[in-house]
N, C-alpha and C. Protein backbone atom coordinates (compact mmCIF):
# COMPACT_ATOMS: atom_id res chain seq x y z
N MET A 1 31.76 0.25 -14.28
CA MET A 1 30.92 0.89 -13.49
C MET A 1 29.62 1.64 -14.40
N LEU A 2 30.02 1.90 -15.80
CA LEU A 2 29.09 2.34 -16.41
C LEU A 2 27.90 1.09 -16.92
N GLY A 3 28.20 -0.13 -17.06
CA GLY A 3 27.53 -1.29 -17.26
C GLY A 3 26.67 -1.31 -16.00
N GLN A 4 26.96 -1.32 -14.89
CA GLN A 4 26.42 -1.20 -13.75
C GLN A 4 25.10 -0.27 -13.69
N LEU A 5 25.65 0.79 -14.09
CA LEU A 5 24.59 2.10 -14.08
C LEU A 5 23.71 1.99 -15.33
N ILE A 6 23.77 1.58 -16.41
CA ILE A 6 22.95 1.07 -17.42
C ILE A 6 21.92 0.03 -16.99
N ARG A 7 22.54 -0.97 -16.13
CA ARG A 7 21.86 -2.07 -15.72
C ARG A 7 20.79 -1.55 -14.48
N PHE A 8 21.51 -0.81 -13.79
CA PHE A 8 20.63 -0.18 -12.73
C PHE A 8 19.46 0.70 -13.27
N GLY A 9 19.75 1.35 -14.13
CA GLY A 9 18.70 2.29 -14.76
C GLY A 9 17.59 1.47 -15.48
N ILE A 10 17.93 0.49 -16.15
CA ILE A 10 16.90 -0.75 -16.81
C ILE A 10 16.02 -1.34 -15.57
N ALA A 11 16.75 -1.75 -14.58
CA ALA A 11 16.02 -2.47 -13.45
C ALA A 11 15.14 -1.41 -12.71
N GLY A 12 15.59 -0.08 -12.59
CA GLY A 12 14.97 0.95 -12.03
C GLY A 12 13.80 1.40 -12.89
N GLY A 13 13.97 1.31 -14.19
CA GLY A 13 12.62 1.64 -14.90
C GLY A 13 11.75 0.55 -14.73
N ILE A 14 12.10 -0.81 -14.59
CA ILE A 14 11.15 -1.82 -14.41
C ILE A 14 10.53 -1.58 -13.00
N SER A 15 11.37 -1.07 -12.01
CA SER A 15 10.82 -0.85 -10.69
C SER A 15 9.64 0.43 -10.60
N THR A 16 10.15 1.38 -11.42
CA THR A 16 9.25 2.50 -11.70
C THR A 16 8.05 2.09 -12.32
N VAL A 17 8.01 1.41 -13.29
CA VAL A 17 6.63 1.04 -13.86
C VAL A 17 5.81 0.07 -12.87
N ILE A 18 6.49 -0.71 -12.19
CA ILE A 18 5.72 -1.38 -11.00
C ILE A 18 5.34 -0.55 -9.89
N TYR A 19 5.95 0.38 -9.58
CA TYR A 19 5.52 1.34 -8.57
C TYR A 19 4.30 2.31 -9.00
N SER A 20 4.54 2.72 -10.36
CA SER A 20 3.34 3.50 -10.81
C SER A 20 2.23 2.59 -11.16
N ALA A 21 2.39 1.36 -11.32
CA ALA A 21 1.05 0.68 -11.57
C ALA A 21 0.33 0.30 -10.32
N VAL A 22 0.90 0.43 -9.02
CA VAL A 22 0.40 0.36 -7.78
C VAL A 22 0.15 1.71 -7.34
N TYR A 23 0.89 2.81 -7.44
CA TYR A 23 0.67 4.11 -6.95
C TYR A 23 -0.57 4.61 -7.61
N LEU A 24 -0.66 4.63 -8.98
CA LEU A 24 -1.72 5.51 -9.60
C LEU A 24 -3.05 4.87 -9.33
N PRO A 25 -3.24 3.66 -9.34
CA PRO A 25 -4.69 3.02 -9.02
C PRO A 25 -5.11 3.47 -7.70
N LEU A 26 -4.11 3.54 -6.69
CA LEU A 26 -4.41 3.84 -5.36
C LEU A 26 -4.93 5.28 -5.07
N THR A 27 -4.31 6.10 -5.82
CA THR A 27 -4.39 7.44 -5.85
C THR A 27 -5.62 7.83 -6.61
N HIS A 28 -6.08 6.94 -7.53
CA HIS A 28 -7.31 7.17 -8.16
C HIS A 28 -8.44 6.48 -7.41
N TRP A 29 -8.48 5.50 -7.08
CA TRP A 29 -9.75 4.96 -6.47
C TRP A 29 -9.87 4.88 -4.92
N VAL A 30 -8.70 4.93 -4.08
CA VAL A 30 -8.41 4.74 -2.94
C VAL A 30 -8.35 5.92 -1.97
N PHE A 31 -7.31 6.54 -2.34
CA PHE A 31 -6.84 7.67 -1.43
C PHE A 31 -7.25 9.09 -2.43
N PRO A 32 -7.73 10.14 -1.81
CA PRO A 32 -7.94 11.26 -2.50
C PRO A 32 -6.63 12.05 -2.79
N ALA A 33 -6.65 12.86 -4.06
CA ALA A 33 -5.38 13.49 -4.54
C ALA A 33 -4.38 14.20 -3.49
N HIS A 34 -5.24 14.83 -2.66
CA HIS A 34 -4.39 15.37 -1.68
C HIS A 34 -3.79 14.51 -0.45
N GLN A 35 -4.25 13.29 -0.51
CA GLN A 35 -3.42 12.43 0.46
C GLN A 35 -2.79 11.42 -0.54
N ALA A 36 -2.28 11.49 -1.64
CA ALA A 36 -1.51 10.66 -2.47
C ALA A 36 -0.38 10.14 -1.67
N VAL A 37 0.35 10.71 -0.57
CA VAL A 37 1.26 10.17 -0.11
C VAL A 37 1.11 8.94 0.73
N TYR A 38 -0.39 8.48 1.01
CA TYR A 38 -0.74 7.37 1.89
C TYR A 38 -0.36 6.15 0.72
N ALA A 39 -0.27 6.43 -0.47
CA ALA A 39 -0.17 5.29 -1.46
C ALA A 39 1.28 5.05 -1.42
N VAL A 40 1.93 5.71 -1.20
CA VAL A 40 3.56 5.71 -1.29
C VAL A 40 4.06 4.50 -0.80
N PRO A 41 3.76 4.12 0.52
CA PRO A 41 4.44 3.02 1.07
C PRO A 41 3.96 1.72 0.31
N PHE A 42 2.66 1.52 0.16
CA PHE A 42 2.22 0.35 -0.62
C PHE A 42 2.96 0.17 -1.98
N ALA A 43 3.09 1.18 -2.76
CA ALA A 43 3.65 1.01 -4.11
C ALA A 43 5.15 0.90 -3.75
N PHE A 44 5.82 1.43 -2.91
CA PHE A 44 7.21 1.21 -2.60
C PHE A 44 7.58 0.05 -2.35
N ALA A 45 6.74 -0.79 -1.39
CA ALA A 45 6.79 -1.89 -0.92
C ALA A 45 6.98 -2.94 -2.13
N VAL A 46 5.95 -2.84 -2.90
CA VAL A 46 5.90 -3.72 -4.06
C VAL A 46 7.10 -3.61 -5.02
N ALA A 47 7.37 -2.36 -5.33
CA ALA A 47 8.75 -1.99 -6.18
C ALA A 47 9.87 -2.47 -5.58
N VAL A 48 9.91 -2.11 -4.38
CA VAL A 48 11.32 -2.69 -3.63
C VAL A 48 11.54 -4.12 -3.62
N THR A 49 10.34 -4.79 -3.63
CA THR A 49 10.76 -6.33 -3.33
C THR A 49 11.30 -6.67 -4.71
N ALA A 50 10.55 -6.34 -5.93
CA ALA A 50 11.08 -6.51 -7.45
C ALA A 50 12.57 -6.02 -7.59
N GLY A 51 12.62 -4.85 -7.05
CA GLY A 51 13.99 -4.18 -7.20
C GLY A 51 15.26 -4.87 -6.56
N PHE A 52 14.86 -5.56 -5.46
CA PHE A 52 16.04 -6.23 -4.76
C PHE A 52 16.32 -7.38 -5.54
N PHE A 53 15.54 -8.15 -6.15
CA PHE A 53 15.77 -9.15 -6.92
C PHE A 53 16.64 -8.83 -8.14
N LEU A 54 15.93 -7.85 -8.75
CA LEU A 54 16.57 -7.34 -10.04
C LEU A 54 18.24 -6.80 -9.76
N HIS A 55 18.17 -5.97 -8.70
CA HIS A 55 19.49 -5.37 -8.55
C HIS A 55 20.63 -6.40 -8.13
N SER A 56 20.01 -7.41 -7.13
CA SER A 56 21.05 -8.32 -6.57
C SER A 56 21.56 -9.37 -7.62
N ALA A 57 20.66 -9.73 -8.31
CA ALA A 57 20.73 -10.72 -9.57
C ALA A 57 21.32 -10.09 -10.87
N TRP A 58 21.05 -8.98 -11.08
CA TRP A 58 21.53 -8.41 -12.27
C TRP A 58 22.39 -7.18 -12.19
N SER A 59 21.71 -5.98 -11.62
CA SER A 59 22.43 -4.87 -11.64
C SER A 59 23.92 -4.76 -11.15
N PHE A 60 23.90 -5.47 -10.17
CA PHE A 60 25.25 -5.66 -9.24
C PHE A 60 25.77 -6.97 -9.19
N LYS A 61 25.32 -7.69 -10.34
CA LYS A 61 25.96 -9.17 -10.42
C LYS A 61 27.43 -8.98 -10.64
N GLY A 62 28.26 -9.77 -9.80
CA GLY A 62 29.69 -9.77 -10.07
C GLY A 62 30.30 -8.68 -9.42
N HIS A 63 29.63 -7.92 -8.74
CA HIS A 63 30.25 -6.77 -7.97
C HIS A 63 30.04 -7.05 -6.48
N GLY A 64 31.22 -6.79 -5.94
CA GLY A 64 31.33 -6.97 -4.34
C GLY A 64 30.96 -8.42 -3.82
N THR A 65 30.49 -8.63 -2.90
CA THR A 65 30.16 -9.84 -2.06
C THR A 65 28.51 -9.98 -1.92
N ARG A 66 28.22 -11.04 -1.86
CA ARG A 66 26.70 -11.38 -1.14
C ARG A 66 26.91 -11.94 0.11
N ASP A 67 26.04 -11.47 1.00
CA ASP A 67 26.01 -11.74 2.33
C ASP A 67 24.77 -12.44 2.93
N SER A 68 24.82 -13.93 3.14
CA SER A 68 23.59 -14.57 3.37
C SER A 68 23.18 -14.45 4.91
N SER A 69 23.89 -13.65 5.70
CA SER A 69 23.70 -13.43 7.22
C SER A 69 22.44 -12.64 7.32
N GLY A 70 22.00 -11.81 6.44
CA GLY A 70 20.89 -10.83 6.53
C GLY A 70 21.30 -9.33 6.76
N ARG A 71 22.58 -9.25 6.87
CA ARG A 71 23.34 -7.93 7.00
C ARG A 71 22.75 -7.02 5.67
N GLN A 72 23.40 -7.65 4.54
CA GLN A 72 23.03 -7.14 3.18
C GLN A 72 21.45 -6.85 2.88
N HIS A 73 20.72 -7.85 3.48
CA HIS A 73 19.16 -7.64 3.14
C HIS A 73 18.95 -6.24 4.03
N ALA A 74 19.52 -6.18 5.20
CA ALA A 74 19.01 -5.00 6.17
C ALA A 74 19.71 -3.73 5.63
N LYS A 75 20.71 -3.68 5.04
CA LYS A 75 21.45 -2.61 4.44
C LYS A 75 20.58 -2.10 3.28
N PHE A 76 20.11 -3.17 2.55
CA PHE A 76 19.22 -2.81 1.28
C PHE A 76 17.93 -2.11 1.70
N VAL A 77 17.27 -2.78 2.61
CA VAL A 77 16.26 -2.24 3.40
C VAL A 77 16.26 -0.55 3.73
N ALA A 78 17.37 -0.50 4.31
CA ALA A 78 17.71 0.86 5.03
C ALA A 78 18.00 1.77 3.85
N VAL A 79 18.70 1.53 2.72
CA VAL A 79 18.77 2.44 1.53
C VAL A 79 17.42 2.54 1.10
N GLN A 80 16.57 1.74 0.99
CA GLN A 80 15.01 1.70 0.28
C GLN A 80 14.27 2.46 1.29
N GLY A 81 14.47 2.42 2.42
CA GLY A 81 13.87 3.20 3.43
C GLY A 81 14.16 4.78 3.25
N PHE A 82 15.40 4.98 2.93
CA PHE A 82 15.86 6.34 2.78
C PHE A 82 15.07 6.74 1.40
N GLY A 83 14.96 6.06 0.56
CA GLY A 83 14.21 6.27 -0.74
C GLY A 83 12.86 6.47 -0.64
N LEU A 84 12.21 5.70 0.30
CA LEU A 84 10.70 5.79 0.63
C LEU A 84 10.57 7.15 1.29
N VAL A 85 11.43 7.68 2.23
CA VAL A 85 11.39 8.81 3.07
C VAL A 85 11.25 10.11 1.99
N LEU A 86 12.37 9.88 1.15
CA LEU A 86 12.46 10.95 0.08
C LEU A 86 11.44 11.03 -0.81
N ASN A 87 10.84 9.88 -1.37
CA ASN A 87 9.69 9.47 -2.27
C ASN A 87 8.38 10.32 -1.43
N ALA A 88 8.15 9.90 -0.49
CA ALA A 88 6.86 10.48 0.59
C ALA A 88 7.09 11.90 0.57
N LEU A 89 8.21 12.44 0.98
CA LEU A 89 8.39 13.93 1.11
C LEU A 89 8.02 14.52 -0.20
N LEU A 90 8.58 14.01 -1.54
CA LEU A 90 8.24 14.80 -2.48
C LEU A 90 6.95 14.70 -2.88
N THR A 91 6.35 13.51 -2.75
CA THR A 91 4.87 13.49 -3.00
C THR A 91 4.03 14.36 -2.30
N TRP A 92 4.16 14.35 -0.72
CA TRP A 92 3.60 15.08 0.10
C TRP A 92 3.66 16.50 -0.26
N LEU A 93 5.09 17.04 -0.79
CA LEU A 93 5.31 18.36 -1.10
C LEU A 93 4.37 18.76 -2.32
N ILE A 94 4.53 17.89 -3.31
CA ILE A 94 3.95 18.24 -4.79
C ILE A 94 2.41 17.90 -4.55
N THR A 95 1.92 17.11 -3.97
CA THR A 95 0.32 16.87 -4.10
C THR A 95 -0.26 17.47 -2.76
N GLY A 96 0.21 17.60 -1.87
CA GLY A 96 -0.44 18.01 -0.61
C GLY A 96 -0.17 19.79 -0.56
N LEU A 97 1.05 19.95 -0.59
CA LEU A 97 1.22 21.46 -0.36
C LEU A 97 0.96 22.38 -1.61
N LEU A 98 1.52 21.67 -2.78
CA LEU A 98 1.26 22.36 -3.97
C LEU A 98 0.05 22.06 -4.91
N HIS A 99 -0.53 21.22 -4.37
CA HIS A 99 -1.94 20.76 -4.98
C HIS A 99 -1.68 20.28 -6.64
N GLN A 100 -0.68 19.67 -6.81
CA GLN A 100 -0.41 19.29 -8.13
C GLN A 100 -1.12 17.83 -8.39
N PRO A 101 -1.28 17.36 -9.67
CA PRO A 101 -1.99 16.43 -9.96
C PRO A 101 -1.06 15.25 -9.52
N VAL A 102 -1.54 14.00 -9.18
CA VAL A 102 -1.04 12.77 -8.36
C VAL A 102 0.19 12.24 -9.20
N TRP A 103 0.26 12.39 -10.70
CA TRP A 103 1.19 11.93 -11.50
C TRP A 103 2.52 12.81 -11.42
N VAL A 104 2.29 14.19 -11.09
CA VAL A 104 3.56 14.91 -11.16
C VAL A 104 4.80 14.32 -10.26
N PRO A 105 4.50 13.92 -9.08
CA PRO A 105 5.61 13.46 -8.27
C PRO A 105 6.43 12.44 -8.93
N LEU A 106 5.99 11.63 -10.01
CA LEU A 106 6.74 10.70 -10.52
C LEU A 106 7.69 11.09 -11.41
N ILE A 107 7.65 12.51 -11.64
CA ILE A 107 8.76 13.11 -12.51
C ILE A 107 10.15 13.21 -11.85
N PRO A 108 9.96 13.90 -10.73
CA PRO A 108 11.22 14.17 -9.96
C PRO A 108 11.64 12.82 -9.25
N VAL A 109 10.72 11.86 -8.86
CA VAL A 109 10.98 10.73 -8.24
C VAL A 109 11.76 9.82 -9.17
N VAL A 110 11.68 9.91 -10.61
CA VAL A 110 12.24 9.10 -11.46
C VAL A 110 14.02 9.60 -11.80
N PHE A 111 14.18 10.89 -11.18
CA PHE A 111 15.33 11.30 -11.69
C PHE A 111 16.22 11.32 -10.25
N VAL A 112 15.49 11.67 -9.30
CA VAL A 112 16.26 12.04 -7.74
C VAL A 112 16.54 10.80 -7.18
N ILE A 113 15.65 9.76 -6.94
CA ILE A 113 15.75 8.85 -5.96
C ILE A 113 16.63 7.65 -6.57
N PRO A 114 16.60 7.45 -7.88
CA PRO A 114 17.62 6.28 -8.48
C PRO A 114 19.07 6.81 -8.18
N LEU A 115 19.46 8.12 -8.53
CA LEU A 115 20.89 8.32 -8.30
C LEU A 115 21.26 8.16 -6.92
N ALA A 116 20.45 8.52 -6.03
CA ALA A 116 20.78 8.48 -4.57
C ALA A 116 21.03 7.00 -4.11
N THR A 117 19.97 6.06 -4.44
CA THR A 117 19.95 4.68 -4.29
C THR A 117 21.00 4.03 -4.93
N PHE A 118 21.42 4.27 -6.27
CA PHE A 118 22.30 3.79 -6.91
C PHE A 118 23.78 3.81 -6.27
N ALA A 119 24.13 5.02 -5.85
CA ALA A 119 25.21 5.33 -5.08
C ALA A 119 25.30 4.44 -3.86
N LEU A 120 24.12 4.74 -3.06
CA LEU A 120 24.42 3.89 -1.65
C LEU A 120 24.33 2.40 -1.82
N ASN A 121 23.78 1.80 -3.14
CA ASN A 121 23.72 0.30 -3.11
C ASN A 121 24.85 -0.01 -3.56
N ARG A 122 25.59 0.63 -4.52
CA ARG A 122 26.92 0.29 -5.18
C ARG A 122 28.07 0.18 -4.03
N TRP A 123 28.03 1.35 -3.20
CA TRP A 123 29.23 1.40 -2.45
C TRP A 123 28.79 0.82 -0.74
N TRP A 124 27.72 0.62 -0.53
CA TRP A 124 27.33 0.29 0.77
C TRP A 124 26.75 -1.10 0.80
N VAL A 125 25.64 -1.42 0.12
CA VAL A 125 24.99 -2.57 0.09
C VAL A 125 25.77 -3.78 -0.64
N PHE A 126 26.04 -3.18 -1.86
CA PHE A 126 26.62 -4.51 -2.70
C PHE A 126 28.05 -4.40 -2.81
N GLY A 127 28.87 -3.42 -2.23
CA GLY A 127 30.32 -3.09 -2.24
C GLY A 127 31.26 -3.95 -1.80
């Protein structure tokens, strides 16, 4: 499991860079800072797409089974949907209610969401 957690962390780091590369420009040029939460779904969709391939082919390679029926994909999307809601909630709270800079939500998002989604992905999606 330690190897999976390390691989998950690396893949998650790559996904975080991808997320930031989409989120930050959107919050700079498209959405005003107090509406940064509107950038979350776009950035999350791009990062999740990359994350699925990274996690299924590398993070959880050799763990559990792979399901070609679409159920596994649906489970992955559900877990990511939970991550999206948590991410949007943190972003809204930090930028909307607390009026912090748009980069501040990236700090808790990097530590909170990966732990939650790792557990759900390991035991439910790829278990």
